[in-house]
Amino acid sequence: MHITLRQLQIFRAVALSGSTTAAADSVALSQSATSGALNELERALGTRLFDRVGKRLILNDSGRGLLPMALAVLDGAKNIEAAQISGDYAGHADLQLFASTTIGNYVLPRMLARFREEVPFSRVQLRIGNTLDVVTAVREFAADLGFIEGPCHASDMMVIPWLEDELVIVAAPAHPLAKTARRRKITAKQLSEAQWLLREPGSGTREAVEHALLPHLQHIRSSMTLGSSESIKNSAAEGLGLSCLSRCVVQDLVTAKRLTVLATGLPRLTRRFALIYPETKVLSAALRRFVAHCERNS
């Protein structure tokens, strides 16, 4: 049995797109050549990899079992090519990172600046999305490493606990609870009756806030859902509601006195950032060096 990298590339493209027509565009082949290569792979393995549902190709149990192995092999081949191009791991790194919003906007820039001092010829592609986006991309080997601020529910991931992050409850200085907090601590009952500004479902910040607050408040009354921490903190500064965000996110508006951190009767609220990559991924020397750099600066 002989399986080629090209066949695995085509299998990956079909698995991710759901059709040989869509896959053909990404692998620069005709639809018939793509379909033929897929059929050859299935014959070589002696099993069907997809269920044919109309014009859609849906991974069956054999295909789902093959996909992570195929992704790992293709990722390893990419690392070999990168090693041949750079020729010297000591001064080169080519990193494809995907981070959730708080980490990508407020934490990683500092880490990358320090890493660039150690590895001056490093190249970095950093994408930013919510935690669900990060986990999905890393599982599909579309990113080398992921940085998340919420729990990782994928069982096939290596999860390395990283930085501890403090969450604070903030409001505009003119908010009634901000005025109350200047005299006494805000109670859990008062917080549960307030209107809150929250991130969208799938956000690590949303999940972390619910995990931190719900044991004390029982429920959170959401008046508005917004797609970024920036929009939430600015909306809170305009008096639209309370928010619970990372201290590093709100510190600029707190310093500018557009937001105030509320003193409450709740315990200190924290969460743990994490670094993730697939269990089957073999880290290159450059990636191992970057992981070690992040761990030293945790």
Protein backbone atom coordinates (compact mmCIF):
# COMPACT_ATOMS: atom_id res chain seq x y z
CA MET A 1 0.00 0.00 0.00
CA HIS A 2 1.42 3.39 -1.02
CA ILE A 3 -0.15 6.62 0.21
CA THR A 4 1.18 9.95 -1.01
CA LEU A 5 1.21 13.34 0.67
CA ARG A 6 -0.78 14.66 -2.29
CA GLN A 7 -3.56 12.17 -1.60
CA LEU A 8 -3.64 13.25 2.04
CA GLN A 9 -3.76 16.91 0.98
CA ILE A 10 -6.75 16.15 -1.24
CA PHE A 11 -8.42 14.13 1.52
CA ARG A 12 -7.97 17.05 3.91
CA ALA A 13 -9.40 19.51 1.40
CA VAL A 14 -12.47 17.36 0.76
CA ALA A 15 -12.98 16.75 4.49
CA LEU A 16 -12.89 20.48 5.25
CA SER A 17 -14.96 21.62 2.26
CA GLY A 18 -17.46 18.78 1.95
CA SER A 19 -17.16 18.29 -1.82
CA THR A 20 -14.61 17.47 -4.50
CA THR A 21 -15.70 20.55 -6.45
CA ALA A 22 -14.84 22.94 -3.62
CA ALA A 23 -11.70 20.97 -2.74
CA ALA A 24 -10.45 21.13 -6.32
CA ASP A 25 -10.05 24.91 -6.10
CA SER A 26 -7.87 24.70 -2.99
CA VAL A 27 -5.58 21.95 -4.34
CA ALA A 28 -5.29 23.39 -7.88
CA LEU A 29 -6.73 20.35 -9.64
CA SER A 30 -9.79 19.69 -11.75
CA GLN A 31 -12.84 18.22 -10.06
CA SER A 32 -12.38 14.91 -11.89
CA ALA A 33 -8.70 14.65 -10.89
CA THR A 34 -9.61 15.44 -7.27
CA SER A 35 -12.34 12.82 -7.26
CA GLY A 36 -9.99 10.29 -8.86
CA ALA A 37 -7.27 10.89 -6.26
CA LEU A 38 -9.78 10.44 -3.46
CA ASN A 39 -11.02 7.18 -4.97
CA GLU A 40 -7.41 5.95 -5.24
CA LEU A 41 -6.83 6.71 -1.56
CA GLU A 42 -9.98 4.83 -0.56
CA ARG A 43 -8.93 1.84 -2.69
CA ALA A 44 -5.44 1.87 -1.14
CA LEU A 45 -6.94 1.88 2.36
CA GLY A 46 -9.63 -0.63 1.48
CA THR A 47 -12.42 1.46 2.97
CA ARG A 48 -14.77 4.31 2.24
CA LEU A 49 -13.87 7.55 4.01
CA PHE A 50 -17.03 9.54 3.24
CA ASP A 51 -20.76 9.02 3.14
CA ARG A 52 -22.22 10.36 -0.11
CA VAL A 53 -25.30 12.46 0.72
CA GLY A 54 -26.50 14.10 -2.49
CA LYS A 55 -23.61 16.24 -3.68
CA ARG A 56 -22.12 16.41 -0.18
CA LEU A 57 -19.31 14.22 1.10
CA ILE A 58 -19.57 13.70 4.86
CA LEU A 59 -16.80 12.00 6.84
CA ASN A 60 -17.80 8.55 8.11
CA ASP A 61 -16.21 6.88 11.14
CA SER A 62 -13.21 5.71 9.08
CA GLY A 63 -12.70 9.21 7.68
CA ARG A 64 -13.00 10.81 11.11
CA GLY A 65 -10.36 8.40 12.39
CA LEU A 66 -8.00 9.18 9.52
CA LEU A 67 -8.35 12.98 9.57
CA PRO A 68 -6.26 13.79 12.68
CA MET A 69 -3.51 11.40 11.52
CA ALA A 70 -3.51 12.94 8.05
CA LEU A 71 -3.34 16.44 9.48
CA ALA A 72 -0.42 15.45 11.69
CA VAL A 73 1.49 13.93 8.75
CA LEU A 74 0.93 17.01 6.59
CA ASP A 75 1.95 19.29 9.44
CA GLY A 76 5.14 17.26 9.91
CA ALA A 77 5.94 17.57 6.21
CA LYS A 78 5.46 21.34 6.46
CA ASN A 79 7.94 21.45 9.37
CA ILE A 80 10.50 19.52 7.32
CA GLU A 81 10.16 22.00 4.47
CA ALA A 82 10.50 24.92 6.88
CA ALA A 83 13.66 23.42 8.35
CA GLN A 84 15.19 23.09 4.90
CA ILE A 85 14.34 26.69 4.04
CA SER A 86 15.61 28.28 7.26
CA GLY A 87 18.58 25.97 7.74
CA ASP A 88 19.28 27.41 11.18
CA TYR A 89 16.79 27.11 14.03
CA ALA A 90 18.94 29.25 16.30
CA GLY A 91 18.06 32.47 14.54
CA HIS A 92 14.84 31.66 12.70
CA ALA A 93 11.24 30.96 13.63
CA ASP A 94 8.09 30.86 11.52
CA LEU A 95 5.11 30.91 13.89
CA GLN A 96 1.43 30.65 13.01
CA LEU A 97 -0.47 31.61 16.16
CA PHE A 98 -4.17 32.00 16.92
CA ALA A 99 -5.22 33.74 20.12
CA SER A 100 -8.49 34.66 21.76
CA THR A 101 -9.12 38.38 21.91
CA THR A 102 -7.82 39.40 25.33
CA ILE A 103 -4.59 37.44 24.90
CA GLY A 104 -4.07 38.50 21.30
CA ASN A 105 -4.69 42.19 21.94
CA TYR A 106 -3.16 42.69 25.38
CA VAL A 107 -0.76 39.88 26.32
CA LEU A 108 0.94 38.39 23.26
CA PRO A 109 2.34 41.66 21.81
CA ARG A 110 4.65 41.95 24.82
CA MET A 111 5.61 38.26 24.60
CA LEU A 112 6.35 38.56 20.89
CA ALA A 113 8.48 41.68 21.39
CA ARG A 114 10.65 39.85 23.91
CA PHE A 115 10.84 36.76 21.69
CA ARG A 116 11.96 38.88 18.74
CA GLU A 117 14.92 40.03 20.88
CA GLU A 118 15.92 36.36 21.33
CA VAL A 119 15.14 35.26 17.76
CA PRO A 120 15.57 38.38 15.62
CA PHE A 121 14.64 36.73 12.30
CA SER A 122 11.34 35.30 13.53
CA ARG A 123 8.23 35.65 11.37
CA VAL A 124 4.84 35.61 13.06
CA GLN A 125 1.30 35.32 11.74
CA LEU A 126 -1.12 36.09 14.55
CA ARG A 127 -4.87 35.69 14.09
CA ILE A 128 -7.40 36.73 16.72
CA GLY A 129 -10.86 35.28 17.38
CA ASN A 130 -12.92 33.84 20.19
CA THR A 131 -11.93 30.69 22.06
CA LEU A 132 -14.10 28.42 19.90
CA ASP A 133 -12.45 29.79 16.73
CA VAL A 134 -9.01 29.15 18.20
CA VAL A 135 -9.73 25.55 19.21
CA THR A 136 -11.27 24.77 15.82
CA ALA A 137 -8.30 26.18 13.88
CA VAL A 138 -5.73 24.39 16.02
CA ARG A 139 -7.59 21.06 15.74
CA GLU A 140 -7.50 21.44 11.95
CA PHE A 141 -3.76 22.32 12.02
CA ALA A 142 -4.59 25.72 10.53
CA ALA A 143 -2.50 27.25 13.34
CA ASP A 144 0.58 25.90 15.10
CA LEU A 145 -0.35 27.07 18.59
CA GLY A 146 -3.47 28.46 20.21
CA PHE A 147 -3.87 30.73 23.21
CA ILE A 148 -7.25 30.61 24.93
CA GLU A 149 -8.86 32.31 27.91
CA GLY A 150 -11.70 29.83 28.37
CA PRO A 151 -11.80 26.08 28.99
CA CYS A 152 -10.84 23.74 26.14
CA HIS A 153 -13.51 21.07 25.70
CA ALA A 154 -11.64 19.14 22.97
CA SER A 155 -10.25 15.89 24.35
CA ASP A 156 -7.54 15.53 21.68
CA MET A 157 -5.66 18.69 22.69
CA MET A 158 -2.58 19.30 24.79
CA VAL A 159 -3.55 22.06 27.22
CA ILE A 160 -0.74 23.86 29.03
CA PRO A 161 -1.94 26.15 31.87
CA TRP A 162 -0.32 29.54 31.46
CA LEU A 163 -0.95 32.99 32.98
CA GLU A 164 -3.39 33.78 35.77
CA ASP A 165 -5.68 36.64 34.80
CA GLU A 166 -7.68 38.79 37.22
CA LEU A 167 -11.28 39.63 36.34
CA VAL A 168 -12.78 42.84 37.71
CA ILE A 169 -16.32 44.23 37.75
CA VAL A 170 -16.50 47.73 36.31
CA ALA A 171 -19.08 50.44 35.71
CA ALA A 172 -19.17 54.07 34.69
CA PRO A 173 -18.43 56.39 37.65
CA ALA A 174 -21.97 57.81 37.37
CA HIS A 175 -23.61 54.36 37.56
CA PRO A 176 -25.77 53.97 40.71
CA LEU A 177 -23.78 50.96 41.89
CA ALA A 178 -20.50 52.85 41.40
CA LYS A 179 -21.83 55.55 43.71
CA THR A 180 -22.95 52.93 46.24
CA ALA A 181 -19.54 51.21 46.08
CA ARG A 182 -17.88 54.42 47.28
CA ARG A 183 -19.73 53.96 50.59
CA ARG A 184 -19.89 50.19 51.01
CA LYS A 185 -19.25 46.94 49.17
CA ILE A 186 -21.80 45.87 46.56
CA THR A 187 -23.72 42.74 47.54
CA ALA A 188 -24.35 39.68 45.39
CA LYS A 189 -28.07 40.52 45.39
CA GLN A 190 -27.39 43.99 43.98
CA LEU A 191 -25.16 42.52 41.30
CA SER A 192 -27.73 39.90 40.31
CA GLU A 193 -30.36 42.65 39.87
CA ALA A 194 -28.10 44.81 37.67
CA GLN A 195 -27.97 44.88 33.88
CA TRP A 196 -24.83 43.29 32.42
CA LEU A 197 -22.90 43.64 29.18
CA LEU A 198 -21.63 40.25 27.97
CA ARG A 199 -19.56 38.75 25.16
CA GLU A 200 -21.11 36.43 22.59
CA PRO A 201 -21.56 32.66 23.19
CA GLY A 202 -18.34 30.81 22.29
CA SER A 203 -16.18 33.54 23.79
CA GLY A 204 -13.72 32.45 26.46
CA THR A 205 -14.41 35.69 28.34
CA ARG A 206 -18.15 34.94 28.35
CA GLU A 207 -17.60 31.42 29.69
CA ALA A 208 -15.05 32.61 32.27
CA VAL A 209 -17.37 35.37 33.50
CA GLU A 210 -20.29 32.98 33.85
CA HIS A 211 -18.05 30.43 35.62
CA ALA A 212 -16.81 33.11 38.04
CA LEU A 213 -20.09 34.90 38.76
CA LEU A 214 -22.90 32.34 38.57
CA PRO A 215 -21.96 30.50 41.80
CA HIS A 216 -22.50 33.80 43.63
CA LEU A 217 -25.24 35.54 41.61
CA GLN A 218 -27.33 32.51 40.50
CA HIS A 219 -28.16 34.34 37.27
CA ILE A 220 -26.81 37.23 35.19
CA ARG A 221 -29.25 39.66 33.61
CA SER A 222 -27.84 40.49 30.18
CA SER A 223 -28.99 43.76 28.66
CA MET A 224 -26.64 43.62 25.68
CA THR A 225 -24.36 41.12 23.92
CA LEU A 226 -21.33 42.56 22.14
CA GLY A 227 -18.67 40.94 19.97
CA SER A 228 -15.51 42.31 21.57
CA SER A 229 -14.13 43.32 24.94
CA GLU A 230 -13.34 46.76 23.50
CA SER A 231 -16.99 47.40 22.66
CA ILE A 232 -18.07 46.11 26.08
CA LYS A 233 -15.74 48.33 28.09
CA ASN A 234 -16.63 51.41 26.04
CA SER A 235 -20.34 50.62 26.41
CA ALA A 236 -19.87 50.23 30.16
CA ALA A 237 -18.08 53.60 30.23
CA GLU A 238 -21.15 55.13 28.59
CA GLY A 239 -23.32 53.84 31.43
CA LEU A 240 -25.04 50.99 29.57
CA GLY A 241 -24.43 48.41 32.29
CA LEU A 242 -21.92 46.51 34.39
CA SER A 243 -19.16 44.42 32.91
CA CYS A 244 -16.72 41.81 34.16
CA LEU A 245 -13.49 41.90 32.17
CA SER A 246 -9.78 41.29 32.49
CA ARG A 247 -8.03 44.01 34.45
CA CYS A 248 -5.55 44.46 31.61
CA VAL A 249 -8.43 45.22 29.21
CA VAL A 250 -10.04 47.97 31.31
CA GLN A 251 -6.97 49.51 32.96
CA ASP A 252 -6.70 52.36 30.43
CA LEU A 253 -10.28 53.53 31.02
CA VAL A 254 -9.90 53.07 34.78
CA THR A 255 -6.78 55.27 34.68
CA ALA A 256 -8.68 57.81 32.59
CA LYS A 257 -11.51 57.68 35.20
CA ARG A 258 -14.07 56.66 32.59
CA LEU A 259 -14.56 53.36 34.43
CA THR A 260 -14.37 52.43 38.09
CA VAL A 261 -13.63 49.01 39.57
CA LEU A 262 -16.47 48.12 41.95
CA ALA A 263 -15.69 46.93 45.46
CA THR A 264 -17.89 43.89 46.06
CA GLY A 265 -18.40 41.18 48.62
CA LEU A 266 -17.34 38.52 46.12
CA PRO A 267 -14.01 36.67 46.39
CA ARG A 268 -11.19 37.62 44.03
CA LEU A 269 -12.17 36.54 40.50
CA THR A 270 -9.50 34.87 38.37
CA ARG A 271 -9.14 32.61 35.37
CA ARG A 272 -6.24 30.76 33.79
CA PHE A 273 -5.04 31.39 30.26
CA ALA A 274 -3.83 28.29 28.42
CA LEU A 275 -1.71 27.33 25.43
CA ILE A 276 -3.04 24.52 23.24
CA TYR A 277 -1.92 22.30 20.38
CA PRO A 278 -3.05 18.87 19.06
CA GLU A 279 -1.78 15.79 20.89
CA THR A 280 -0.54 14.40 17.58
CA LYS A 281 1.43 17.52 16.65
CA VAL A 282 5.23 17.32 16.70
CA LEU A 283 6.55 20.72 17.73
CA SER A 284 9.44 22.04 15.69
CA ALA A 285 12.52 23.38 17.45
CA ALA A 286 11.30 26.93 16.84
CA LEU A 287 7.87 26.22 18.31
CA ARG A 288 9.39 24.49 21.34
CA ARG A 289 11.56 27.54 21.88
CA PHE A 290 8.56 29.86 21.70
CA VAL A 291 6.55 27.69 24.13
CA ALA A 292 9.49 27.72 26.54
CA HIS A 293 9.69 31.52 26.18
CA CYS A 294 6.00 31.87 27.07
CA GLU A 295 6.38 29.55 30.08
CA ARG A 296 9.39 31.52 31.37
CA ASN A 297 7.35 34.72 31.18
CA SER A 298 4.26 33.32 32.88
